[in-house]
Amino acid sequence: MATLRKERFITDDKGRKKAVILDIKLYQEMLEDLEDLRLLAEGRDEATSSLQEVEERLRARGLL
């Protein structure tokens, strides 16, 4: 993800930051990262397979 280079802040009358304006590309990258994290969290409790098991299944199907 890109670093926060172009952010701009909206402040109140006392100078406290209340909102941020981001470059649209950075914003889209952040949304994609959040979606990736959501998908990872969803699969957290799913059963996993070892590399050997996956390779054996792929070989059995003629894909490896």
PDB file of N, CA and C in Angstrom:
ATOM      1  N   MET A   1       0.848  -1.182   0.000  1.00  0.00           N
ATOM      2  CA  MET A   1       0.000   0.000   0.000  1.00  0.00           C
ATOM      3  C   MET A   1       0.889   1.239   0.000  1.00  0.00           C
ATOM      4  N   ALA A   2       0.448   2.228  -0.692  1.00  0.00           N
ATOM      5  CA  ALA A   2       1.200   3.477  -0.765  1.00  0.00           C
ATOM      6  C   ALA A   2       1.217   4.157   0.605  1.00  0.00           C
ATOM      7  N   THR A   3       2.225   4.953   0.817  1.00  0.00           N
ATOM      8  CA  THR A   3       2.284   5.686   2.073  1.00  0.00           C
ATOM      9  C   THR A   3       1.366   6.898   2.008  1.00  0.00           C
ATOM     10  N   LEU A   4       0.984   7.377   3.161  1.00  0.00           N
ATOM     11  CA  LEU A   4       0.100   8.541   3.222  1.00  0.00           C
ATOM     12  C   LEU A   4       0.904   9.794   2.904  1.00  0.00           C
ATOM     13  N   ARG A   5       0.916  10.181   1.645  1.00  0.00           N
ATOM     14  CA  ARG A   5       1.706  11.327   1.209  1.00  0.00           C
ATOM     15  C   ARG A   5       0.849  12.549   0.943  1.00  0.00           C
ATOM     16  N   LYS A   6      -0.348  12.326   0.435  1.00  0.00           N
ATOM     17  CA  LYS A   6      -1.131  13.435  -0.077  1.00  0.00           C
ATOM     18  C   LYS A   6      -2.374  13.704   0.757  1.00  0.00           C
ATOM     19  N   GLU A   7      -2.366  13.269   1.982  1.00  0.00           N
ATOM     20  CA  GLU A   7      -3.564  13.490   2.778  1.00  0.00           C
ATOM     21  C   GLU A   7      -3.683  14.956   3.185  1.00  0.00           C
ATOM     22  N   ARG A   8      -4.922  15.393   3.269  1.00  0.00           N
ATOM     23  CA  ARG A   8      -5.200  16.742   3.747  1.00  0.00           C
ATOM     24  C   ARG A   8      -6.256  16.609   4.834  1.00  0.00           C
ATOM     25  N   PHE A   9      -6.192  17.484   5.804  1.00  0.00           N
ATOM     26  CA  PHE A   9      -7.097  17.381   6.930  1.00  0.00           C
ATOM     27  C   PHE A   9      -8.087  18.536   6.951  1.00  0.00           C
ATOM     28  N   ILE A  10      -9.282  18.229   7.390  1.00  0.00           N
ATOM     29  CA  ILE A  10     -10.287  19.254   7.659  1.00  0.00           C
ATOM     30  C   ILE A  10     -10.283  19.444   9.165  1.00  0.00           C
ATOM     31  N   THR A  11     -10.160  20.675   9.589  1.00  0.00           N
ATOM     32  CA  THR A  11     -10.065  20.961  11.013  1.00  0.00           C
ATOM     33  C   THR A  11     -11.243  21.827  11.468  1.00  0.00           C
ATOM     34  N   ASP A  12     -11.483  21.769  12.776  1.00  0.00           N
ATOM     35  CA  ASP A  12     -12.521  22.640  13.320  1.00  0.00           C
ATOM     36  C   ASP A  12     -11.915  24.018  13.614  1.00  0.00           C
ATOM     37  N   ASP A  13     -12.697  24.882  14.204  1.00  0.00           N
ATOM     38  CA  ASP A  13     -12.234  26.254  14.440  1.00  0.00           C
ATOM     39  C   ASP A  13     -11.108  26.330  15.473  1.00  0.00           C
ATOM     40  N   LYS A  14     -10.856  25.222  16.188  1.00  0.00           N
ATOM     41  CA  LYS A  14      -9.753  25.193  17.155  1.00  0.00           C
ATOM     42  C   LYS A  14      -8.528  24.460  16.599  1.00  0.00           C
ATOM     43  N   GLY A  15      -8.586  24.081  15.327  1.00  0.00           N
ATOM     44  CA  GLY A  15      -7.448  23.427  14.690  1.00  0.00           C
ATOM     45  C   GLY A  15      -7.380  21.927  14.909  1.00  0.00           C
ATOM     46  N   ARG A  16      -8.413  21.331  15.505  1.00  0.00           N
ATOM     47  CA  ARG A  16      -8.430  19.883  15.731  1.00  0.00           C
ATOM     48  C   ARG A  16      -8.875  19.174  14.459  1.00  0.00           C
ATOM     49  N   LYS A  17      -8.151  18.128  14.110  1.00  0.00           N
ATOM     50  CA  LYS A  17      -8.464  17.364  12.902  1.00  0.00           C
ATOM     51  C   LYS A  17      -9.794  16.657  13.081  1.00  0.00           C
ATOM     52  N   LYS A  18     -10.676  16.825  12.090  1.00  0.00           N
ATOM     53  CA  LYS A  18     -12.007  16.226  12.141  1.00  0.00           C
ATOM     54  C   LYS A  18     -12.247  15.244  10.995  1.00  0.00           C
ATOM     55  N   ALA A  19     -11.545  15.414   9.892  1.00  0.00           N
ATOM     56  CA  ALA A  19     -11.722  14.549   8.731  1.00  0.00           C
ATOM     57  C   ALA A  19     -10.444  14.595   7.903  1.00  0.00           C
ATOM     58  N   VAL A  20     -10.354  13.652   6.976  1.00  0.00           N
ATOM     59  CA  VAL A  20      -9.178  13.592   6.115  1.00  0.00           C
ATOM     60  C   VAL A  20      -9.622  13.455   4.663  1.00  0.00           C
ATOM     61  N   ILE A  21      -8.889  14.064   3.771  1.00  0.00           N
ATOM     62  CA  ILE A  21      -9.098  13.934   2.338  1.00  0.00           C
ATOM     63  C   ILE A  21      -7.907  13.148   1.803  1.00  0.00           C
ATOM     64  N   LEU A  22      -8.213  12.026   1.121  1.00  0.00           N
ATOM     65  CA  LEU A  22      -7.163  11.158   0.601  1.00  0.00           C
ATOM     66  C   LEU A  22      -7.200  11.138  -0.921  1.00  0.00           C
ATOM     67  N   ASP A  23      -6.051  10.884  -1.512  1.00  0.00           N
ATOM     68  CA  ASP A  23      -5.959  10.622  -2.938  1.00  0.00           C
ATOM     69  C   ASP A  23      -6.851   9.418  -3.246  1.00  0.00           C
ATOM     70  N   ILE A  24      -7.621   9.470  -4.322  1.00  0.00           N
ATOM     71  CA  ILE A  24      -8.579   8.408  -4.633  1.00  0.00           C
ATOM     72  C   ILE A  24      -7.897   7.062  -4.822  1.00  0.00           C
ATOM     73  N   LYS A  25      -6.729   7.036  -5.422  1.00  0.00           N
ATOM     74  CA  LYS A  25      -6.013   5.769  -5.623  1.00  0.00           C
ATOM     75  C   LYS A  25      -5.635   5.151  -4.283  1.00  0.00           C
ATOM     76  N   LEU A  26      -5.148   5.958  -3.368  1.00  0.00           N
ATOM     77  CA  LEU A  26      -4.808   5.466  -2.037  1.00  0.00           C
ATOM     78  C   LEU A  26      -6.054   4.953  -1.330  1.00  0.00           C
ATOM     79  N   TYR A  27      -7.159   5.682  -1.441  1.00  0.00           N
ATOM     80  CA  TYR A  27      -8.410   5.270  -0.829  1.00  0.00           C
ATOM     81  C   TYR A  27      -8.859   3.915  -1.372  1.00  0.00           C
ATOM     82  N   GLN A  28      -8.784   3.725  -2.685  1.00  0.00           N
ATOM     83  CA  GLN A  28      -9.179   2.461  -3.298  1.00  0.00           C
ATOM     84  C   GLN A  28      -8.275   1.320  -2.837  1.00  0.00           C
ATOM     85  N   GLU A  29      -6.974   1.571  -2.716  1.00  0.00           N
ATOM     86  CA  GLU A  29      -6.042   0.560  -2.225  1.00  0.00           C
ATOM     87  C   GLU A  29      -6.384   0.170  -0.794  1.00  0.00           C
ATOM     88  N   MET A  30      -6.746   1.150   0.007  1.00  0.00           N
ATOM     89  CA  MET A  30      -7.115   0.869   1.395  1.00  0.00           C
ATOM     90  C   MET A  30      -8.384   0.011   1.455  1.00  0.00           C
ATOM     91  N   LEU A  31      -9.362   0.308   0.597  1.00  0.00           N
ATOM     92  CA  LEU A  31     -10.580  -0.496   0.554  1.00  0.00           C
ATOM     93  C   LEU A  31     -10.274  -1.937   0.142  1.00  0.00           C
ATOM     94  N   GLU A  32      -9.388  -2.104  -0.826  1.00  0.00           N
ATOM     95  CA  GLU A  32      -8.995  -3.455  -1.251  1.00  0.00           C
ATOM     96  C   GLU A  32      -8.303  -4.197  -0.113  1.00  0.00           C
ATOM     97  N   ASP A  33      -7.428  -3.513   0.602  1.00  0.00           N
ATOM     98  CA  ASP A  33      -6.749  -4.129   1.742  1.00  0.00           C
ATOM     99  C   ASP A  33      -7.751  -4.545   2.819  1.00  0.00           C
ATOM    100  N   LEU A  34      -8.736  -3.703   3.080  1.00  0.00           N
ATOM    101  CA  LEU A  34      -9.766  -4.042   4.067  1.00  0.00           C
ATOM    102  C   LEU A  34     -10.574  -5.253   3.625  1.00  0.00           C
ATOM    103  N   GLU A  35     -10.881  -5.339   2.345  1.00  0.00           N
ATOM    104  CA  GLU A  35     -11.605  -6.493   1.831  1.00  0.00           C
ATOM    105  C   GLU A  35     -10.771  -7.758   1.973  1.00  0.00           C
ATOM    106  N   ASP A  36      -9.481  -7.675   1.681  1.00  0.00           N
ATOM    107  CA  ASP A  36      -8.584  -8.822   1.858  1.00  0.00           C
ATOM    108  C   ASP A  36      -8.570  -9.268   3.314  1.00  0.00           C
ATOM    109  N   LEU A  37      -8.485  -8.323   4.228  1.00  0.00           N
ATOM    110  CA  LEU A  37      -8.483  -8.661   5.654  1.00  0.00           C
ATOM    111  C   LEU A  37      -9.801  -9.301   6.079  1.00  0.00           C
ATOM    112  N   ARG A  38     -10.913  -8.812   5.532  1.00  0.00           N
ATOM    113  CA  ARG A  38     -12.217  -9.392   5.850  1.00  0.00           C
ATOM    114  C   ARG A  38     -12.276 -10.848   5.383  1.00  0.00           C
ATOM    115  N   LEU A  39     -11.800 -11.107   4.187  1.00  0.00           N
ATOM    116  CA  LEU A  39     -11.803 -12.471   3.663  1.00  0.00           C
ATOM    117  C   LEU A  39     -10.907 -13.388   4.486  1.00  0.00           C
ATOM    118  N   LEU A  40      -9.761 -12.878   4.893  1.00  0.00           N
ATOM    119  CA  LEU A  40      -8.875 -13.676   5.752  1.00  0.00           C
ATOM    120  C   LEU A  40      -9.534 -13.997   7.081  1.00  0.00           C
ATOM    121  N   ALA A  41     -10.185 -13.015   7.667  1.00  0.00           N
ATOM    122  CA  ALA A  41     -10.855 -13.223   8.954  1.00  0.00           C
ATOM    123  C   ALA A  41     -11.993 -14.237   8.815  1.00  0.00           C
ATOM    124  N   GLU A  42     -12.723 -14.189   7.703  1.00  0.00           N
ATOM    125  CA  GLU A  42     -13.805 -15.144   7.470  1.00  0.00           C
ATOM    126  C   GLU A  42     -13.287 -16.577   7.430  1.00  0.00           C
ATOM    127  N   GLY A  43     -12.145 -16.780   6.836  1.00  0.00           N
ATOM    128  CA  GLY A  43     -11.599 -18.124   6.684  1.00  0.00           C
ATOM    129  C   GLY A  43     -10.738 -18.587   7.833  1.00  0.00           C
ATOM    130  N   ARG A  44     -10.639 -17.793   8.844  1.00  0.00           N
ATOM    131  CA  ARG A  44      -9.751 -18.089   9.971  1.00  0.00           C
ATOM    132  C   ARG A  44     -10.038 -19.446  10.601  1.00  0.00           C
ATOM    133  N   ASP A  45     -11.299 -19.834  10.708  1.00  0.00           N
ATOM    134  CA  ASP A  45     -11.652 -21.078  11.389  1.00  0.00           C
ATOM    135  C   ASP A  45     -11.846 -22.254  10.439  1.00  0.00           C
ATOM    136  N   GLU A  46     -11.605 -22.033   9.161  1.00  0.00           N
ATOM    137  CA  GLU A  46     -11.752 -23.115   8.198  1.00  0.00           C
ATOM    138  C   GLU A  46     -10.580 -24.087   8.301  1.00  0.00           C
ATOM    139  N   ALA A  47     -10.870 -25.333   7.936  1.00  0.00           N
ATOM    140  CA  ALA A  47      -9.819 -26.355   7.946  1.00  0.00           C
ATOM    141  C   ALA A  47      -8.761 -25.997   6.900  1.00  0.00           C
ATOM    142  N   THR A  48      -7.535 -26.352   7.182  1.00  0.00           N
ATOM    143  CA  THR A  48      -6.442 -26.081   6.248  1.00  0.00           C
ATOM    144  C   THR A  48      -5.881 -27.396   5.723  1.00  0.00           C
ATOM    145  N   SER A  49      -5.150 -27.312   4.650  1.00  0.00           N
ATOM    146  CA  SER A  49      -4.501 -28.477   4.045  1.00  0.00           C
ATOM    147  C   SER A  49      -3.014 -28.204   3.961  1.00  0.00           C
ATOM    148  N   SER A  50      -2.240 -29.257   4.115  1.00  0.00           N
ATOM    149  CA  SER A  50      -0.794 -29.113   3.967  1.00  0.00           C
ATOM    150  C   SER A  50      -0.461 -28.992   2.484  1.00  0.00           C
ATOM    151  N   LEU A  51       0.715 -28.501   2.190  1.00  0.00           N
ATOM    152  CA  LEU A  51       1.168 -28.395   0.805  1.00  0.00           C
ATOM    153  C   LEU A  51       1.164 -29.774   0.156  1.00  0.00           C
ATOM    154  N   GLN A  52       1.587 -30.787   0.892  1.00  0.00           N
ATOM    155  CA  GLN A  52       1.623 -32.152   0.367  1.00  0.00           C
ATOM    156  C   GLN A  52       0.212 -32.616  -0.021  1.00  0.00           C
ATOM    157  N   GLU A  53      -0.781 -32.331   0.815  1.00  0.00           N
ATOM    158  CA  GLU A  53      -2.159 -32.727   0.507  1.00  0.00           C
ATOM    159  C   GLU A  53      -2.670 -32.023  -0.755  1.00  0.00           C
ATOM    160  N   VAL A  54      -2.370 -30.767  -0.875  1.00  0.00           N
ATOM    161  CA  VAL A  54      -2.811 -30.002  -2.045  1.00  0.00           C
ATOM    162  C   VAL A  54      -2.147 -30.552  -3.303  1.00  0.00           C
ATOM    163  N   GLU A  55      -0.844 -30.817  -3.213  1.00  0.00           N
ATOM    164  CA  GLU A  55      -0.129 -31.367  -4.372  1.00  0.00           C
ATOM    165  C   GLU A  55      -0.707 -32.718  -4.774  1.00  0.00           C
ATOM    166  N   GLU A  56      -1.039 -33.553  -3.798  1.00  0.00           N
ATOM    167  CA  GLU A  56      -1.605 -34.878  -4.108  1.00  0.00           C
ATOM    168  C   GLU A  56      -2.946 -34.743  -4.801  1.00  0.00           C
ATOM    169  N   ARG A  57      -3.793 -33.830  -4.356  1.00  0.00           N
ATOM    170  CA  ARG A  57      -5.094 -33.618  -4.997  1.00  0.00           C
ATOM    171  C   ARG A  57      -4.924 -33.097  -6.418  1.00  0.00           C
ATOM    172  N   LEU A  58      -3.974 -32.190  -6.607  1.00  0.00           N
ATOM    173  CA  LEU A  58      -3.728 -31.645  -7.946  1.00  0.00           C
ATOM    174  C   LEU A  58      -3.193 -32.724  -8.881  1.00  0.00           C
ATOM    175  N   ARG A  59      -2.309 -33.587  -8.376  1.00  0.00           N
ATOM    176  CA  ARG A  59      -1.783 -34.679  -9.192  1.00  0.00           C
ATOM    177  C   ARG A  59      -2.905 -35.647  -9.574  1.00  0.00           C
ATOM    178  N   ALA A  60      -3.783 -35.945  -8.623  1.00  0.00           N
ATOM    179  CA  ALA A  60      -4.888 -36.878  -8.872  1.00  0.00           C
ATOM    180  C   ALA A  60      -5.816 -36.333  -9.959  1.00  0.00           C
ATOM    181  N   ARG A  61      -5.919 -35.032 -10.050  1.00  0.00           N
ATOM    182  CA  ARG A  61      -6.775 -34.412 -11.071  1.00  0.00           C
ATOM    183  C   ARG A  61      -6.018 -34.114 -12.363  1.00  0.00           C
ATOM    184  N   GLY A  62      -4.717 -34.451 -12.379  1.00  0.00           N
ATOM    185  CA  GLY A  62      -3.912 -34.206 -13.568  1.00  0.00           C
ATOM    186  C   GLY A  62      -3.546 -32.757 -13.767  1.00  0.00           C
ATOM    187  N   LEU A  63      -3.600 -31.989 -12.713  1.00  0.00           N
ATOM    188  CA  LEU A  63      -3.307 -30.555 -12.817  1.00  0.00           C
ATOM    189  C   LEU A  63      -1.877 -30.219 -12.407  1.00  0.00           C
ATOM    190  N   LEU A  64      -1.167 -31.202 -11.951  1.00  0.00           N
ATOM    191  CA  LEU A  64       0.221 -30.954 -11.532  1.00  0.00           C
ATOM    192  C   LEU A  64       1.111 -32.073 -12.008  1.00  0.00           C
TER     193      LEU A  64
END
